[in-house]
């Protein structure tokens, strides 16, 4: 079968041949053109949009089922408060179990990455773990039926479903995000003449940036499923809320199987990860000097010749840069994850006026859907045209500060709740004679800015983190480095588990305040330590070209299921 064609930029006008060119083809820009011409993103192949639709279906299922989780776990079946429930664990234990699910979902990508990078490749790994995912959805649906809840099977079914779904989503998450970027096959800057006559440079880095913008927008379109599932939870039942994600995931599975011949994928590289650890071990033995793992270094020092080239060591260096950048992300994620549990519980203590208490979380994806096109088409191009380099480290730092503002605002909302009747600092828990089980007199719409700020933080921190994980990883370790980035969310969930004993009244005010301070400090330290990487961005991205020239993409159906 013929190899998929790479997308080629349109032919351009001839340019100054006296300046040194970085490429051999006629469309390669000169050094002078790289410094003076405006850079733009290239066109995206249809296969990239197809992968984005698949992710939309998977995220529809994930957020559709997790949206009602807090109510499902926290409140009793037919609770007197009128809030839907099934198991009755209470807020602290429900928050702890919710954080366990988040933790598990972001640990399992390591397994998916190893299987993909060493054995099956990304496409085949996604197929296998999708089947696991489906079995978990079936268990969740069956044990959420009224007869299962009344017989006490819902807790055991929920835990089993969490474990199986977490395993399935882990195998998909670590591979779907690098798979979409691999659909962009052009890796070198190219000249292009626009219809206006302006000569610009099509920059692969900006194309990847746009890919992840679209990818993340599809994630958040999918996450709007919580609007439907929380309404179904309130008006029909949890079984209906969990049947919808199952049906949508099955649709996504059909799409990925039907489009098998359209994707551009790269075959597994074998024992890359063990070799990477050997390189790092040699570096540790030589006081952090990774150059000692190069054969050229050993030749000059009378040492051994290693079974990898010097380029591989340079790629490991670049991957370690990304992993160092990821170290502070757990603090960001523990702030982000509040909207998946404690914000929902907070809403239950406020006046809802007939809407589900867990529907407010959808403000976050709506914010992202609205602001991603604004950032991609207006804000980022305007900044580039104005000469302001809003590079990855700067964007991530901005995300940390937005998360801090979100937590500070949540603390203000909690303060308002504690200072409002009828139950003050014991919402839904005051004496029945005083109107027990009635919410405090604060309108739930007051929560809106907290979700909006979290959404903005995702655009800057989370999307850029995905982009950074892909662009800084060696071509043979894309899934593994992506899994390292996703693992930071697991550590954030672990912090959330540790904080869960404080997730009860009247300690919530200080919990949100502490998270606001922690995220602000983490953002400041992050900028202080890593801002220097902004200056090396193009240099690190250029390291990928040589390796990709040796690894040609192949059609997905050429990869055997062995």
Protein backbone atom coordinates (compact mmCIF):
# COMPACT_ATOMS: atom_id res chain seq x y z
CA UNK A 1 0.00 0.00 0.00
CA UNK A 2 1.28 3.45 -0.89
CA UNK A 3 2.36 5.68 1.94
CA UNK A 4 -0.01 8.54 2.84
CA UNK A 5 0.92 11.76 1.14
CA UNK A 6 2.33 14.62 3.14
CA UNK A 7 0.55 17.95 2.93
CA UNK A 8 2.66 20.29 0.79
CA UNK A 9 2.48 24.09 1.08
CA UNK A 10 1.49 25.95 -2.08
CA UNK A 11 4.32 26.99 -4.43
CA UNK A 12 5.90 30.30 -3.53
CA UNK A 13 7.76 33.06 -5.31
CA UNK A 14 11.52 32.74 -5.69
CA UNK A 15 13.56 34.25 -2.90
CA UNK A 16 17.03 35.51 -2.19
CA UNK A 17 19.45 32.68 -2.82
CA UNK A 18 22.41 34.51 -1.31
CA UNK A 19 21.22 33.91 2.25
CA UNK A 20 21.88 30.47 3.76
CA UNK A 21 18.80 28.21 3.51
CA UNK A 22 17.82 25.76 6.19
CA UNK A 23 16.44 23.24 3.70
CA UNK A 24 17.26 21.79 0.29
CA UNK A 25 13.86 22.24 -1.45
CA UNK A 26 12.91 25.46 -3.19
CA UNK A 27 10.23 26.30 -0.63
CA UNK A 28 12.61 26.27 2.33
CA UNK A 29 13.01 29.77 3.82
CA UNK A 30 16.38 31.40 4.28
CA UNK A 31 17.68 32.46 7.69
CA UNK A 32 16.79 36.07 6.86
CA UNK A 33 13.25 35.10 5.88
CA UNK A 34 12.86 33.12 9.10
CA UNK A 35 13.66 36.27 11.06
CA UNK A 36 11.59 38.75 9.04
CA UNK A 37 8.51 37.00 7.57
CA UNK A 38 5.32 36.41 9.48
CA UNK A 39 4.71 32.82 10.63
CA UNK A 40 1.34 31.11 10.17
CA UNK A 41 -0.18 27.69 10.84
CA UNK A 42 -0.61 25.26 7.95
CA UNK A 43 -3.80 23.56 6.78
CA UNK A 44 -4.93 20.53 8.75
CA UNK A 45 -5.56 17.17 7.07
CA UNK A 46 -9.00 15.60 7.29
CA UNK A 47 -7.58 12.68 9.25
CA UNK A 48 -6.76 15.12 12.10
CA UNK A 49 -10.40 16.20 12.26
CA UNK A 50 -11.48 12.54 12.25
CA UNK A 51 -9.26 11.78 15.25
CA UNK A 52 -10.67 14.88 16.97
CA UNK A 53 -14.23 13.57 16.44
CA UNK A 54 -13.22 10.23 17.99
CA UNK A 55 -11.88 12.07 21.02
CA UNK A 56 -15.11 14.06 21.16
CA UNK A 57 -17.08 10.80 21.46
CA UNK A 58 -14.74 9.40 24.13
CA UNK A 59 -14.86 12.60 26.18
CA UNK A 60 -18.65 12.70 25.74
CA UNK A 61 -18.76 9.31 27.43
CA UNK A 62 -16.20 10.19 30.13
CA UNK A 63 -17.70 13.52 31.22
CA UNK A 64 -21.23 12.25 30.68
CA UNK A 65 -20.71 9.49 33.23
CA UNK A 66 -18.52 11.45 35.66
CA UNK A 67 -20.82 14.51 35.68
CA UNK A 68 -23.42 12.81 37.93
CA UNK A 69 -20.79 10.92 39.98
CA UNK A 70 -20.68 13.29 42.96
CA UNK A 71 -24.44 13.16 43.48
CA UNK A 72 -24.50 9.42 42.75
CA UNK A 73 -21.94 8.80 45.51
CA UNK A 74 -22.69 11.55 48.05
CA UNK A 75 -26.47 11.45 48.47
CA UNK A 76 -28.82 8.64 49.44
CA UNK A 77 -31.36 7.11 47.10
CA UNK A 78 -34.52 9.27 47.23
CA UNK A 79 -32.76 11.75 49.56
CA UNK A 80 -35.14 14.12 51.48
CA UNK A 81 -33.20 17.14 50.17
CA UNK A 82 -34.48 16.38 46.67
CA UNK A 83 -30.93 16.10 45.29
CA UNK A 84 -30.54 12.88 43.23
CA UNK A 85 -28.48 10.17 44.90
CA UNK A 86 -27.83 6.46 45.07
CA UNK A 87 -25.11 5.38 47.52
CA UNK A 88 -25.06 7.95 50.35
CA UNK A 89 -21.34 8.23 51.16
CA UNK A 90 -21.41 11.89 52.22
CA UNK A 91 -19.34 14.73 50.73
CA UNK A 92 -15.88 13.87 52.12
CA UNK A 93 -15.96 10.18 51.14
CA UNK A 94 -17.60 10.92 47.78
CA UNK A 95 -14.89 13.49 47.06
CA UNK A 96 -12.20 10.97 48.03
CA UNK A 97 -13.66 8.30 45.72
CA UNK A 98 -14.05 10.85 42.92
CA UNK A 99 -10.38 11.78 43.32
CA UNK A 100 -9.45 8.09 43.29
CA UNK A 101 -11.19 7.76 39.91
CA UNK A 102 -9.27 10.77 38.59
CA UNK A 103 -6.04 9.33 39.97
CA UNK A 104 -6.61 5.93 38.37
CA UNK A 105 -7.60 7.43 35.00
CA UNK A 106 -4.32 9.33 34.83
CA UNK A 107 -2.03 6.56 36.09
CA UNK A 108 -3.15 3.99 33.51
CA UNK A 109 -1.87 6.02 30.52
CA UNK A 110 1.60 4.76 31.47
CA UNK A 111 0.51 1.21 30.63
CA UNK A 112 -1.15 2.34 27.41
CA UNK A 113 1.97 4.25 26.38
CA UNK A 114 4.32 1.31 26.97
CA UNK A 115 2.07 -1.06 25.02
CA UNK A 116 1.78 1.43 22.14
CA UNK A 117 5.43 2.50 21.95
CA UNK A 118 6.90 -0.98 22.30
CA UNK A 119 4.39 -3.47 20.93
CA UNK A 120 1.16 -2.52 19.14
CA UNK A 121 1.42 1.08 17.98
CA UNK A 122 -1.06 3.82 18.87
CA UNK A 123 -3.98 2.79 16.66
CA UNK A 124 -4.15 -0.86 17.73
CA UNK A 125 -3.71 0.08 21.39
CA UNK A 126 -6.64 2.50 21.16
CA UNK A 127 -8.84 -0.24 19.68
CA UNK A 128 -8.04 -2.75 22.44
CA UNK A 129 -8.52 -0.31 25.30
CA UNK A 130 -11.75 0.98 23.74
CA UNK A 131 -13.21 -2.52 24.09
CA UNK A 132 -12.19 -2.53 27.78
CA UNK A 133 -13.83 0.90 28.17
CA UNK A 134 -17.11 -0.39 26.69
CA UNK A 135 -17.25 -3.27 29.19
CA UNK A 136 -16.87 -0.80 32.07
CA UNK A 137 -19.70 1.37 30.72
CA UNK A 138 -21.95 -1.68 30.52
CA UNK A 139 -21.24 -2.52 34.19
CA UNK A 140 -21.94 1.06 35.28
CA UNK A 141 -25.24 1.13 33.38
CA UNK A 142 -26.43 -2.21 34.76
CA UNK A 143 -25.61 -1.40 38.40
CA UNK A 144 -27.27 2.03 38.20
CA UNK A 145 -30.69 0.55 37.43
CA UNK A 146 -33.20 1.14 40.27
CA UNK A 147 -33.33 -2.56 41.11
CA UNK A 148 -29.53 -2.65 41.50
CA UNK A 149 -29.48 0.48 43.68
CA UNK A 150 -32.23 -0.86 45.95
CA UNK A 151 -30.42 -4.21 46.31
CA UNK A 152 -27.16 -2.48 47.32
CA UNK A 153 -25.19 -3.44 44.20
CA UNK A 154 -24.48 0.11 43.06
CA UNK A 155 -21.36 0.74 45.20
CA UNK A 156 -19.60 -2.47 44.13
CA UNK A 157 -20.66 -1.91 40.53
CA UNK A 158 -19.40 1.68 40.64
CA UNK A 159 -15.96 0.69 41.95
CA UNK A 160 -15.65 -2.10 39.35
CA UNK A 161 -16.75 0.27 36.59
CA UNK A 162 -14.30 2.95 37.78
CA UNK A 163 -11.39 0.51 37.62
CA UNK A 164 -12.31 -0.85 34.18
CA UNK A 165 -13.22 2.52 32.64
CA UNK A 166 -10.06 4.05 34.11
CA UNK A 167 -7.98 1.35 32.47
CA UNK A 168 -9.76 1.88 29.15
CA UNK A 169 -9.50 5.65 29.14
CA UNK A 170 -5.81 5.45 30.13
CA UNK A 171 -4.95 3.37 27.08
CA UNK A 172 -6.80 5.81 24.86
CA UNK A 173 -5.65 9.11 26.40
CA UNK A 174 -1.92 8.49 26.10
CA UNK A 175 -2.24 7.64 22.41
CA UNK A 176 -5.07 9.70 20.94
CA UNK A 177 -3.39 13.08 21.55
CA UNK A 178 -0.05 12.19 19.88
CA UNK A 179 -1.99 10.40 17.12
CA UNK A 180 -3.78 13.61 16.13
CA UNK A 181 -0.51 15.54 15.94
CA UNK A 182 1.04 12.80 13.80
CA UNK A 183 -1.53 13.57 11.13
CA UNK A 184 0.47 16.77 10.49
CA UNK A 185 3.32 15.27 8.45
CA UNK A 186 5.12 18.49 7.47
CA UNK A 187 7.94 19.10 9.96
CA UNK A 188 10.01 21.90 8.33
CA UNK A 189 9.10 25.58 7.85
CA UNK A 190 7.99 26.33 4.29
CA UNK A 191 7.42 29.51 2.31
CA UNK A 192 3.95 30.31 1.05
CA UNK A 193 2.37 33.21 -0.81
CA UNK A 194 -1.08 34.21 0.42
CA UNK A 195 -3.84 35.41 -1.92
CA UNK A 196 -3.09 38.93 -0.71
CA UNK A 197 0.44 38.58 -2.09
CA UNK A 198 2.05 38.47 1.35
CA UNK A 199 4.85 35.94 1.70
CA UNK A 200 4.69 34.03 4.96
CA UNK A 201 6.30 31.02 6.59
CA UNK A 202 4.14 27.99 7.31
CA UNK A 203 5.46 26.97 10.73
CA UNK A 204 4.87 23.31 11.79
CA UNK A 205 5.02 24.34 15.45
CA UNK A 206 2.08 26.70 14.94
CA UNK A 207 0.25 23.98 13.03
CA UNK A 208 0.64 21.61 15.98
CA UNK A 209 -0.50 24.42 18.28
CA UNK A 210 -3.67 24.79 16.17
CA UNK A 211 -4.18 21.01 16.12
CA UNK A 212 -4.24 20.93 19.91
CA UNK A 213 -6.53 23.95 20.05
CA UNK A 214 -9.06 22.08 17.86
CA UNK A 215 -8.43 18.83 19.75
CA UNK A 216 -9.10 20.50 23.07
CA UNK A 217 -12.18 22.24 21.73
CA UNK A 218 -13.56 18.84 20.69
CA UNK A 219 -12.80 17.53 24.19
CA UNK A 220 -14.89 20.31 25.66
CA UNK A 221 -17.72 19.96 23.14
CA UNK A 222 -17.82 16.32 24.25
CA UNK A 223 -17.78 17.31 27.89
CA UNK A 224 -21.03 19.22 27.41
CA UNK A 225 -22.63 15.78 27.64
CA UNK A 226 -22.88 16.49 31.37
CA UNK A 227 -25.72 18.89 30.52
CA UNK A 228 -27.75 15.98 29.18
CA UNK A 229 -26.70 13.40 31.76
CA UNK A 230 -27.38 15.65 34.77
CA UNK A 231 -30.85 16.44 33.38
CA UNK A 232 -31.48 12.73 32.83
CA UNK A 233 -30.21 12.01 36.35
CA UNK A 234 -32.68 14.51 37.82
CA UNK A 235 -35.75 13.76 35.72
CA UNK A 236 -35.38 10.08 34.67
CA UNK A 237 -32.70 8.30 36.69
CA UNK A 238 -29.02 7.47 36.83
CA UNK A 239 -29.50 4.48 34.52
CA UNK A 240 -30.58 6.83 31.70
CA UNK A 241 -27.68 9.18 32.48
CA UNK A 242 -25.22 6.30 32.01
CA UNK A 243 -26.93 4.72 29.00
CA UNK A 244 -26.32 7.85 26.90
CA UNK A 245 -22.48 7.79 27.31
CA UNK A 246 -22.47 4.10 26.43
CA UNK A 247 -24.34 4.75 23.17
CA UNK A 248 -22.08 7.69 22.24
CA UNK A 249 -18.90 5.74 22.91
CA UNK A 250 -20.13 2.92 20.69
CA UNK A 251 -20.61 5.51 17.92
CA UNK A 252 -17.02 6.71 18.38
CA UNK A 253 -15.76 3.13 18.26
CA UNK A 254 -17.51 2.60 14.93
CA UNK A 255 -15.88 5.77 13.55
CA UNK A 256 -12.35 4.78 14.54
CA UNK A 257 -12.72 1.28 13.07
CA UNK A 258 -14.38 2.52 9.86
CA UNK A 259 -11.65 5.12 9.27
CA UNK A 260 -8.78 2.69 9.78
CA UNK A 261 -7.21 3.28 6.34
CA UNK A 262 -7.24 7.07 6.62
CA UNK A 263 -4.92 7.63 9.58
CA UNK A 264 -1.21 8.36 9.43
CA UNK A 265 0.55 6.43 12.20
CA UNK A 266 4.04 5.34 13.05
CA UNK A 267 4.95 1.74 13.89
CA UNK A 268 6.19 0.85 17.40
CA UNK A 269 9.93 1.30 17.87
CA UNK A 270 10.62 -1.65 20.15
CA UNK A 271 12.59 -1.31 23.37
CA UNK A 272 12.90 2.50 23.31
CA UNK A 273 11.80 3.09 26.91
CA UNK A 274 14.33 0.64 28.51
CA UNK A 275 17.08 2.25 26.42
CA UNK A 276 15.95 5.68 27.61
CA UNK A 277 16.25 4.57 31.24
CA UNK A 278 19.73 3.18 30.51
CA UNK A 279 20.77 6.55 29.09
CA UNK A 280 19.46 8.33 32.20
CA UNK A 281 21.19 5.82 34.48
CA UNK A 282 24.52 6.45 32.73
CA UNK A 283 23.92 10.18 33.13
CA UNK A 284 23.27 9.76 36.87
CA UNK A 285 26.48 7.75 37.29
CA UNK A 286 28.33 10.64 35.62
CA UNK A 287 26.91 13.33 37.92
CA UNK A 288 24.04 14.26 35.58
CA UNK A 289 26.13 14.44 32.42
CA UNK A 290 23.96 12.74 29.79
CA UNK A 291 26.64 13.31 27.16
CA UNK A 292 28.48 10.43 28.81
CA UNK A 293 25.85 8.13 27.23
CA UNK A 294 26.96 9.18 23.74
CA UNK A 295 29.19 6.82 21.80
CA UNK A 296 31.21 9.80 20.53
CA UNK A 297 31.91 10.81 24.15
CA UNK A 298 32.97 7.26 25.06
CA UNK A 299 35.27 7.05 22.04
CA UNK A 300 37.18 10.13 23.14
CA UNK A 301 37.35 8.84 26.74
CA UNK A 302 38.25 5.23 25.95
CA UNK A 303 34.86 3.83 26.95
CA UNK A 304 32.22 1.51 25.46
CA UNK A 305 30.24 2.01 22.26
CA UNK A 306 26.51 2.02 22.99
CA UNK A 307 23.74 0.52 20.79
CA UNK A 308 22.20 3.97 20.17
CA UNK A 309 23.36 7.04 18.34
CA UNK A 310 24.17 10.50 19.71
CA UNK A 311 20.89 11.85 18.35
CA UNK A 312 18.95 9.53 20.68
CA UNK A 313 20.72 11.04 23.70
CA UNK A 314 19.84 14.55 22.49
CA UNK A 315 16.20 13.46 22.23
CA UNK A 316 16.27 12.15 25.80
CA UNK A 317 17.59 15.53 26.92
CA UNK A 318 14.67 17.23 25.21
CA UNK A 319 12.15 14.82 26.76
CA UNK A 320 13.60 15.49 30.22
CA UNK A 321 13.04 19.22 29.68
CA UNK A 322 9.33 18.48 29.21
CA UNK A 323 9.23 16.21 32.27
CA UNK A 324 10.86 18.89 34.42
CA UNK A 325 8.27 21.40 33.25
CA UNK A 326 5.51 18.97 34.28
CA UNK A 327 6.65 18.81 37.93
CA UNK A 328 4.45 21.71 39.07
CA UNK A 329 1.31 20.65 37.21
CA UNK A 330 -0.15 18.54 40.09
CA UNK A 331 -0.85 21.75 42.01
CA UNK A 332 -2.70 23.12 38.99
CA UNK A 333 -4.72 19.90 38.60
CA UNK A 334 -5.85 19.74 42.22
CA UNK A 335 -7.38 23.20 41.65
CA UNK A 336 -8.97 22.14 38.37
CA UNK A 337 -10.48 18.98 39.88
CA UNK A 338 -12.46 20.97 42.45
CA UNK A 339 -15.09 21.67 39.79
CA UNK A 340 -15.65 17.92 39.37
CA UNK A 341 -16.57 17.34 43.01
CA UNK A 342 -16.52 20.11 45.61
CA UNK A 343 -18.01 22.79 43.32
CA UNK A 344 -20.94 20.40 42.72
CA UNK A 345 -21.40 19.84 46.44
CA UNK A 346 -21.15 23.60 46.99
CA UNK A 347 -23.96 24.17 44.47
CA UNK A 348 -26.19 21.72 46.36
CA UNK A 349 -26.08 24.08 49.38
CA UNK A 350 -27.30 27.04 47.29
CA UNK A 351 -30.66 28.00 45.78
CA UNK A 352 -31.00 26.03 42.52
CA UNK A 353 -34.38 27.28 41.23
CA UNK A 354 -35.20 23.95 39.59
CA UNK A 355 -31.89 23.20 37.83
CA UNK A 356 -29.59 20.25 38.68
CA UNK A 357 -26.85 21.18 41.12
CA UNK A 358 -24.26 19.48 38.89
CA UNK A 359 -25.17 21.31 35.67
CA UNK A 360 -23.08 24.39 36.52
CA UNK A 361 -19.87 22.51 35.68
CA UNK A 362 -20.74 22.89 31.99
CA UNK A 363 -19.82 26.58 32.15
CA UNK A 364 -16.20 25.41 31.99
CA UNK A 365 -16.40 23.69 28.58
CA UNK A 366 -18.63 26.46 27.23
CA UNK A 367 -15.95 28.97 28.21
CA UNK A 368 -13.32 26.92 26.42
CA UNK A 369 -15.44 26.45 23.27
CA UNK A 370 -16.01 30.21 23.07
CA UNK A 371 -12.48 31.36 23.87
CA UNK A 372 -10.40 28.79 21.94
CA UNK A 373 -11.36 30.26 18.53
CA UNK A 374 -10.83 33.75 19.92
CA UNK A 375 -7.32 32.84 21.12
CA UNK A 376 -6.45 30.86 17.98
CA UNK A 377 -7.74 33.33 15.39
CA UNK A 378 -7.47 36.70 17.13
CA UNK A 379 -5.39 36.86 20.32
CA UNK A 380 -2.36 34.71 19.37
CA UNK A 381 -2.03 36.07 15.77
CA UNK A 382 -2.36 39.64 17.11
CA UNK A 383 0.39 39.04 19.66
CA UNK A 384 2.69 37.48 17.02
CA UNK A 385 2.04 40.40 14.64
CA UNK A 386 2.81 42.84 17.46
CA UNK A 387 6.09 41.04 18.13
CA UNK A 388 4.95 39.69 21.51
CA UNK A 389 6.13 36.11 21.88
CA UNK A 390 3.51 34.38 23.99
CA UNK A 391 5.49 31.15 24.17
CA UNK A 392 4.59 27.91 25.97
CA UNK A 393 6.17 28.63 29.36
CA UNK A 394 4.46 32.04 29.48
CA UNK A 395 1.10 30.51 28.58
CA UNK A 396 1.40 27.79 31.23
CA UNK A 397 2.32 30.35 33.90
CA UNK A 398 -0.74 32.39 32.93
CA UNK A 399 -2.86 29.25 33.39
CA UNK A 400 -1.56 28.78 36.94
CA UNK A 401 -2.57 32.33 37.87
CA UNK A 402 -6.06 31.93 36.40
CA UNK A 403 -6.48 28.73 38.46
CA UNK A 404 -5.42 30.69 41.56
CA UNK A 405 -8.05 33.34 40.82
CA UNK A 406 -10.70 30.61 40.40
CA UNK A 407 -9.91 29.17 43.83
CA UNK A 408 -9.89 32.63 45.41
CA UNK A 409 -13.33 33.31 43.96
CA UNK A 410 -14.61 29.91 45.17
CA UNK A 411 -13.46 30.91 48.67
CA UNK A 412 -15.47 34.14 48.36
CA UNK A 413 -18.57 32.14 47.33
CA UNK A 414 -18.08 29.79 50.28
CA UNK A 415 -17.81 32.80 52.59
CA UNK A 416 -21.14 34.10 51.21
CA UNK A 417 -22.77 30.72 51.84
CA UNK A 418 -21.50 30.55 55.43
CA UNK A 419 -22.89 34.03 56.09
CA UNK A 420 -26.36 33.31 54.67
CA UNK A 421 -29.48 31.85 56.33
CA UNK A 422 -31.01 29.52 57.23
CA UNK A 423 -28.11 27.20 58.10
CA UNK A 424 -25.09 29.52 57.84
CA UNK A 425 -21.86 27.50 58.25
CA UNK A 426 -23.75 24.19 58.39
CA UNK A 427 -25.57 24.16 55.01
CA UNK A 428 -28.37 21.57 54.66
CA UNK A 429 -27.61 20.43 58.21
CA UNK A 430 -29.36 22.76 60.64
CA UNK A 431 -32.23 21.76 62.91
CA UNK A 432 -35.43 20.68 61.11
CA UNK A 433 -37.43 23.33 62.97
CA UNK A 434 -35.29 25.94 61.26
CA UNK A 435 -35.95 24.49 57.83
CA UNK A 436 -33.41 21.72 57.70
CA UNK A 437 -32.46 20.41 54.27
CA UNK A 438 -33.18 23.86 52.84
CA UNK A 439 -30.31 25.52 50.95
CA UNK A 440 -28.73 28.73 52.14
CA UNK A 441 -30.07 31.84 50.44
CA UNK A 442 -27.35 32.34 47.82
CA UNK A 443 -28.21 31.98 44.12
CA UNK A 444 -26.23 29.22 42.40
CA UNK A 445 -25.42 31.57 39.49
CA UNK A 446 -22.88 33.23 41.81
CA UNK A 447 -20.59 30.26 41.01
CA UNK A 448 -20.30 31.24 37.32
CA UNK A 449 -17.02 33.25 37.45
CA UNK A 450 -15.21 30.37 39.18
CA UNK A 451 -15.99 28.02 36.28
CA UNK A 452 -15.13 30.72 33.75
CA UNK A 453 -11.71 31.28 35.34
CA UNK A 454 -11.02 27.53 35.42
CA UNK A 455 -11.92 27.36 31.71
CA UNK A 456 -9.48 30.15 30.86
CA UNK A 457 -6.79 28.45 32.91
CA UNK A 458 -7.25 25.26 30.85
CA UNK A 459 -6.72 27.13 27.57
CA UNK A 460 -3.36 28.39 28.77
CA UNK A 461 -2.11 25.57 31.01
CA UNK A 462 -3.70 22.31 29.90
CA UNK A 463 -3.70 22.82 26.11
CA UNK A 464 -0.14 24.13 26.17
CA UNK A 465 0.89 21.18 28.36
CA UNK A 466 -0.42 18.74 25.74
CA UNK A 467 1.39 20.68 23.01
CA UNK A 468 4.61 20.75 25.03
CA UNK A 469 4.43 17.01 25.78
CA UNK A 470 4.13 16.24 22.07
CA UNK A 471 6.67 18.68 20.62
CA UNK A 472 9.40 17.98 23.19
CA UNK A 473 9.12 14.19 23.16
CA UNK A 474 11.42 12.04 20.98
CA UNK A 475 9.42 10.69 17.99
CA UNK A 476 9.69 7.14 19.34
CA UNK A 477 8.44 8.12 22.83
CA UNK A 478 5.49 10.39 22.08
CA UNK A 479 2.97 8.23 23.92
CA UNK A 480 5.25 7.72 26.92
CA UNK A 481 6.01 11.43 27.42
CA UNK A 482 2.33 12.23 26.92
CA UNK A 483 1.60 9.68 29.64
CA UNK A 484 4.09 11.49 31.90
CA UNK A 485 2.10 14.68 31.38
CA UNK A 486 -1.18 12.90 32.12
CA UNK A 487 0.41 11.38 35.23
CA UNK A 488 0.65 14.87 36.71
CA UNK A 489 -3.16 14.87 36.84
CA UNK A 490 -2.99 11.62 38.82
CA UNK A 491 -0.66 13.29 41.32
CA UNK A 492 -3.13 16.19 41.48
CA UNK A 493 -5.89 13.69 42.28
CA UNK A 494 -3.68 12.16 44.97
CA UNK A 495 -3.32 15.61 46.53
CA UNK A 496 -7.10 15.89 46.29
CA UNK A 497 -7.48 12.60 48.19
CA UNK A 498 -5.18 13.95 50.89
CA UNK A 499 -7.28 17.12 51.09
CA UNK A 500 -10.64 15.29 51.06
CA UNK A 501 -10.95 15.25 54.92
CA UNK A 502 -11.13 19.07 54.73
CA UNK A 503 -13.93 18.88 52.12
CA UNK A 504 -16.66 19.42 54.69
CA UNK A 505 -18.23 22.31 56.49
CA UNK A 506 -16.98 24.59 57.91
CA UNK A 507 -13.44 23.90 56.58
CA UNK A 508 -14.16 24.49 52.89
CA UNK A 509 -13.41 28.21 53.02
CA UNK A 510 -9.83 27.57 54.15
CA UNK A 511 -9.38 24.72 51.69
CA UNK A 512 -10.18 26.99 48.73
CA UNK A 513 -8.01 29.78 50.17
CA UNK A 514 -5.06 27.41 50.57
CA UNK A 515 -5.42 26.17 47.00
CA UNK A 516 -5.48 29.75 45.70
CA UNK A 517 -2.24 30.58 47.50
CA UNK A 518 -0.59 27.30 46.43
CA UNK A 519 -1.40 27.80 42.75
CA UNK A 520 -0.14 31.39 42.78
CA UNK A 521 3.14 30.35 44.42
CA UNK A 522 3.51 27.39 42.03
CA UNK A 523 3.00 29.71 39.04
CA UNK A 524 5.63 32.15 40.29
CA UNK A 525 8.19 29.40 40.98
CA UNK A 526 7.39 27.76 37.63
CA UNK A 527 8.14 31.01 35.77
CA UNK A 528 11.33 31.62 37.74
CA UNK A 529 12.69 28.13 36.98
CA UNK A 530 11.58 27.58 33.38
CA UNK A 531 11.15 30.94 31.64
CA UNK A 532 14.60 30.45 30.09
CA UNK A 533 13.18 27.60 27.98
CA UNK A 534 11.18 30.13 25.95
CA UNK A 535 14.42 31.26 24.30
CA UNK A 536 15.26 27.65 23.34
CA UNK A 537 11.82 26.76 21.95
CA UNK A 538 12.70 26.73 18.22
CA UNK A 539 16.03 25.01 18.88
CA UNK A 540 14.37 22.15 20.80
CA UNK A 541 11.62 21.73 18.20
CA UNK A 542 14.20 21.53 15.38
CA UNK A 543 15.75 18.40 16.92
CA UNK A 544 12.78 16.36 15.71
CA UNK A 545 13.44 16.86 11.98
CA UNK A 546 16.40 14.52 11.66
CA UNK A 547 14.70 11.58 13.39
CA UNK A 548 11.44 12.00 11.48
CA UNK A 549 13.33 11.89 8.21
CA UNK A 550 14.31 8.32 9.08
CA UNK A 551 10.84 7.21 10.29
CA UNK A 552 8.31 7.34 7.47
CA UNK A 553 4.62 7.26 8.39
CA UNK A 554 2.58 4.28 7.32
CA UNK A 555 -1.10 3.50 6.97
CA UNK A 556 -2.74 2.19 10.11
CA UNK A 557 -3.94 -0.98 8.41
CA UNK A 558 -0.33 -1.98 7.72
CA UNK A 559 0.24 -2.48 11.44
CA UNK A 560 -0.51 -6.05 12.41
CA UNK A 561 -2.32 -6.92 15.64
CA UNK A 562 0.57 -8.91 17.08
